[in-house]
Every structure is written in structure tokens, then in C-alpha cells.
């Protein structure tokens, strides 16, 4: 499991590993690329069908 959770995260500590696992699974299954990169972040490109956007939100 990755440990990229920043210290400023407001998610309760007990829930953080679950959220990391969700993101790990999402990226492993759906990530096809990324666009741009800056100090503030980057845009990721995900594959998916109907309902994918709602699932990610």
C-alpha cells in the first residue's frame, strides 16, 4: 500500500488506509495517462463507461 497521504489530510486516520486502497484500485484499473504537472497537481485520464464519472466523484 502506498503512503502518500499528506499530513494536512482531514480524513480520520482510521479511514485513510481505506481511501488509499480505493485510489490504488481505481488507478490500477482505469488510469490511462496524465496531462500536465505543476506544484498544484496534474490531470489524470481514466477509462470507463456509463456511470464512471459519478463513481469517481
N, C-alpha and C. Protein backbone atom coordinates (compact mmCIF):
# COMPACT_ATOMS: atom_id res chain seq x y z
N UNK A 1 0.84 -1.18 0.00
CA UNK A 1 0.00 0.00 0.00
C UNK A 1 0.89 1.24 0.00
N UNK A 2 0.48 2.24 -0.72
CA UNK A 2 1.25 3.48 -0.76
C UNK A 2 0.99 4.31 0.49
N UNK A 3 1.89 5.21 0.76
CA UNK A 3 1.74 6.08 1.93
C UNK A 3 1.90 7.53 1.54
N UNK A 4 1.16 7.96 0.55
CA UNK A 4 1.28 9.32 0.04
C UNK A 4 0.29 10.29 0.67
N UNK A 5 -0.33 9.93 1.78
CA UNK A 5 -1.31 10.80 2.41
C UNK A 5 -0.59 11.97 3.08
N UNK A 6 -0.91 13.20 2.69
CA UNK A 6 -0.24 14.35 3.31
C UNK A 6 -0.69 14.55 4.76
N UNK A 7 0.16 15.14 5.55
CA UNK A 7 -0.14 15.40 6.95
C UNK A 7 -1.37 16.31 7.10
N UNK A 8 -1.65 17.12 6.08
CA UNK A 8 -2.77 18.05 6.14
C UNK A 8 -4.12 17.40 5.85
N UNK A 9 -4.15 16.10 5.55
CA UNK A 9 -5.40 15.39 5.25
C UNK A 9 -6.34 15.45 6.45
N UNK A 10 -7.59 15.79 6.21
CA UNK A 10 -8.57 15.90 7.29
C UNK A 10 -9.43 14.65 7.44
N UNK A 11 -9.21 13.65 6.61
CA UNK A 11 -9.93 12.39 6.73
C UNK A 11 -9.48 11.69 8.01
N UNK A 12 -10.40 11.15 8.81
CA UNK A 12 -9.99 10.47 10.04
C UNK A 12 -8.93 9.40 9.76
N UNK A 13 -7.95 9.32 10.63
CA UNK A 13 -6.81 8.42 10.45
C UNK A 13 -7.23 6.99 10.15
N UNK A 14 -8.28 6.51 10.80
CA UNK A 14 -8.71 5.13 10.59
C UNK A 14 -9.27 4.90 9.19
N UNK A 15 -9.76 5.95 8.55
CA UNK A 15 -10.33 5.83 7.20
C UNK A 15 -9.30 6.02 6.10
N UNK A 16 -8.14 6.58 6.42
CA UNK A 16 -7.14 6.87 5.40
C UNK A 16 -6.67 5.63 4.64
N UNK A 17 -6.35 4.51 5.29
CA UNK A 17 -5.92 3.34 4.52
C UNK A 17 -7.00 2.83 3.55
N UNK A 18 -8.26 2.96 3.93
CA UNK A 18 -9.35 2.53 3.05
C UNK A 18 -9.42 3.41 1.81
N UNK A 19 -9.25 4.72 2.00
CA UNK A 19 -9.29 5.64 0.86
C UNK A 19 -8.09 5.42 -0.06
N UNK A 20 -6.92 5.17 0.52
CA UNK A 20 -5.73 4.89 -0.29
C UNK A 20 -5.98 3.64 -1.13
N UNK A 21 -6.56 2.61 -0.54
CA UNK A 21 -6.85 1.37 -1.26
C UNK A 21 -7.83 1.63 -2.41
N UNK A 22 -8.83 2.49 -2.17
CA UNK A 22 -9.78 2.83 -3.23
C UNK A 22 -9.08 3.51 -4.40
N UNK A 23 -8.21 4.47 -4.10
CA UNK A 23 -7.48 5.16 -5.17
C UNK A 23 -6.52 4.22 -5.87
N UNK A 24 -5.82 3.37 -5.13
CA UNK A 24 -4.92 2.40 -5.74
C UNK A 24 -5.67 1.50 -6.73
N UNK A 25 -6.84 1.02 -6.34
CA UNK A 25 -7.64 0.16 -7.21
C UNK A 25 -8.14 0.93 -8.44
N UNK A 26 -8.61 2.15 -8.23
CA UNK A 26 -9.09 2.97 -9.34
C UNK A 26 -7.98 3.20 -10.35
N UNK A 27 -6.80 3.61 -9.88
CA UNK A 27 -5.71 3.89 -10.80
C UNK A 27 -5.20 2.63 -11.48
N UNK A 28 -5.16 1.52 -10.78
CA UNK A 28 -4.70 0.26 -11.36
C UNK A 28 -5.64 -0.20 -12.48
N UNK A 29 -6.93 0.03 -12.31
CA UNK A 29 -7.93 -0.45 -13.27
C UNK A 29 -8.23 0.54 -14.38
N UNK A 30 -8.17 1.84 -14.09
CA UNK A 30 -8.70 2.82 -15.03
C UNK A 30 -7.74 3.88 -15.55
N UNK A 31 -6.58 4.04 -14.93
CA UNK A 31 -5.67 5.11 -15.32
C UNK A 31 -5.02 4.80 -16.66
N UNK A 32 -5.14 5.74 -17.61
CA UNK A 32 -4.51 5.56 -18.91
C UNK A 32 -3.44 6.61 -19.18
N UNK A 33 -3.37 7.63 -18.37
CA UNK A 33 -2.35 8.67 -18.57
C UNK A 33 -2.59 9.86 -17.68
N UNK A 34 -1.73 10.84 -17.85
CA UNK A 34 -1.90 12.09 -17.12
C UNK A 34 -1.50 13.23 -18.04
N UNK A 35 -2.04 14.39 -17.73
CA UNK A 35 -1.76 15.59 -18.54
C UNK A 35 -1.27 16.69 -17.62
N UNK A 36 -0.18 17.29 -17.99
CA UNK A 36 0.34 18.42 -17.25
C UNK A 36 0.79 18.04 -15.85
N UNK A 37 1.59 18.87 -15.29
CA UNK A 37 2.02 18.66 -13.91
C UNK A 37 2.54 19.99 -13.40
N UNK A 38 2.11 20.36 -12.22
CA UNK A 38 2.55 21.61 -11.61
C UNK A 38 2.64 21.42 -10.10
N UNK A 39 2.98 22.46 -9.42
CA UNK A 39 3.03 22.40 -7.96
C UNK A 39 1.67 22.04 -7.38
N UNK A 40 0.62 22.39 -8.10
CA UNK A 40 -0.75 22.18 -7.60
C UNK A 40 -1.34 20.83 -7.96
N UNK A 41 -0.69 20.08 -8.84
CA UNK A 41 -1.22 18.77 -9.20
C UNK A 41 -1.12 18.49 -10.67
N UNK A 42 -1.94 17.55 -11.12
CA UNK A 42 -1.98 17.18 -12.53
C UNK A 42 -3.38 16.65 -12.83
N UNK A 43 -3.68 16.52 -14.10
CA UNK A 43 -4.95 15.93 -14.53
C UNK A 43 -4.68 14.49 -14.91
N UNK A 44 -5.53 13.59 -14.47
CA UNK A 44 -5.38 12.18 -14.83
C UNK A 44 -6.43 11.81 -15.87
N UNK A 45 -6.10 10.83 -16.69
CA UNK A 45 -7.00 10.35 -17.74
C UNK A 45 -7.42 8.94 -17.35
N UNK A 46 -8.74 8.75 -17.19
CA UNK A 46 -9.28 7.47 -16.78
C UNK A 46 -10.19 6.91 -17.87
N UNK A 47 -10.20 5.58 -18.00
CA UNK A 47 -11.13 4.95 -18.92
C UNK A 47 -12.38 4.57 -18.13
N UNK A 48 -13.46 4.39 -18.84
CA UNK A 48 -14.68 3.97 -18.16
C UNK A 48 -15.88 4.13 -19.03
N UNK A 49 -16.95 3.53 -18.61
CA UNK A 49 -18.19 3.61 -19.34
C UNK A 49 -19.21 4.44 -18.59
N UNK A 50 -20.47 4.17 -18.85
CA UNK A 50 -21.53 4.90 -18.17
C UNK A 50 -21.41 4.78 -16.65
N UNK A 51 -21.57 5.89 -15.98
CA UNK A 51 -21.52 5.90 -14.53
C UNK A 51 -20.13 6.08 -13.94
N UNK A 52 -19.11 6.04 -14.80
CA UNK A 52 -17.74 6.15 -14.29
C UNK A 52 -17.50 7.48 -13.60
N UNK A 53 -17.95 8.57 -14.20
CA UNK A 53 -17.73 9.89 -13.61
C UNK A 53 -18.38 9.98 -12.24
N UNK A 54 -19.60 9.49 -12.11
CA UNK A 54 -20.28 9.53 -10.81
C UNK A 54 -19.54 8.67 -9.79
N UNK A 55 -19.03 7.54 -10.22
CA UNK A 55 -18.28 6.66 -9.31
C UNK A 55 -17.02 7.34 -8.79
N UNK A 56 -16.32 8.04 -9.67
CA UNK A 56 -15.09 8.71 -9.27
C UNK A 56 -15.38 9.89 -8.35
N UNK A 57 -16.44 10.61 -8.64
CA UNK A 57 -16.79 11.75 -7.77
C UNK A 57 -17.12 11.26 -6.39
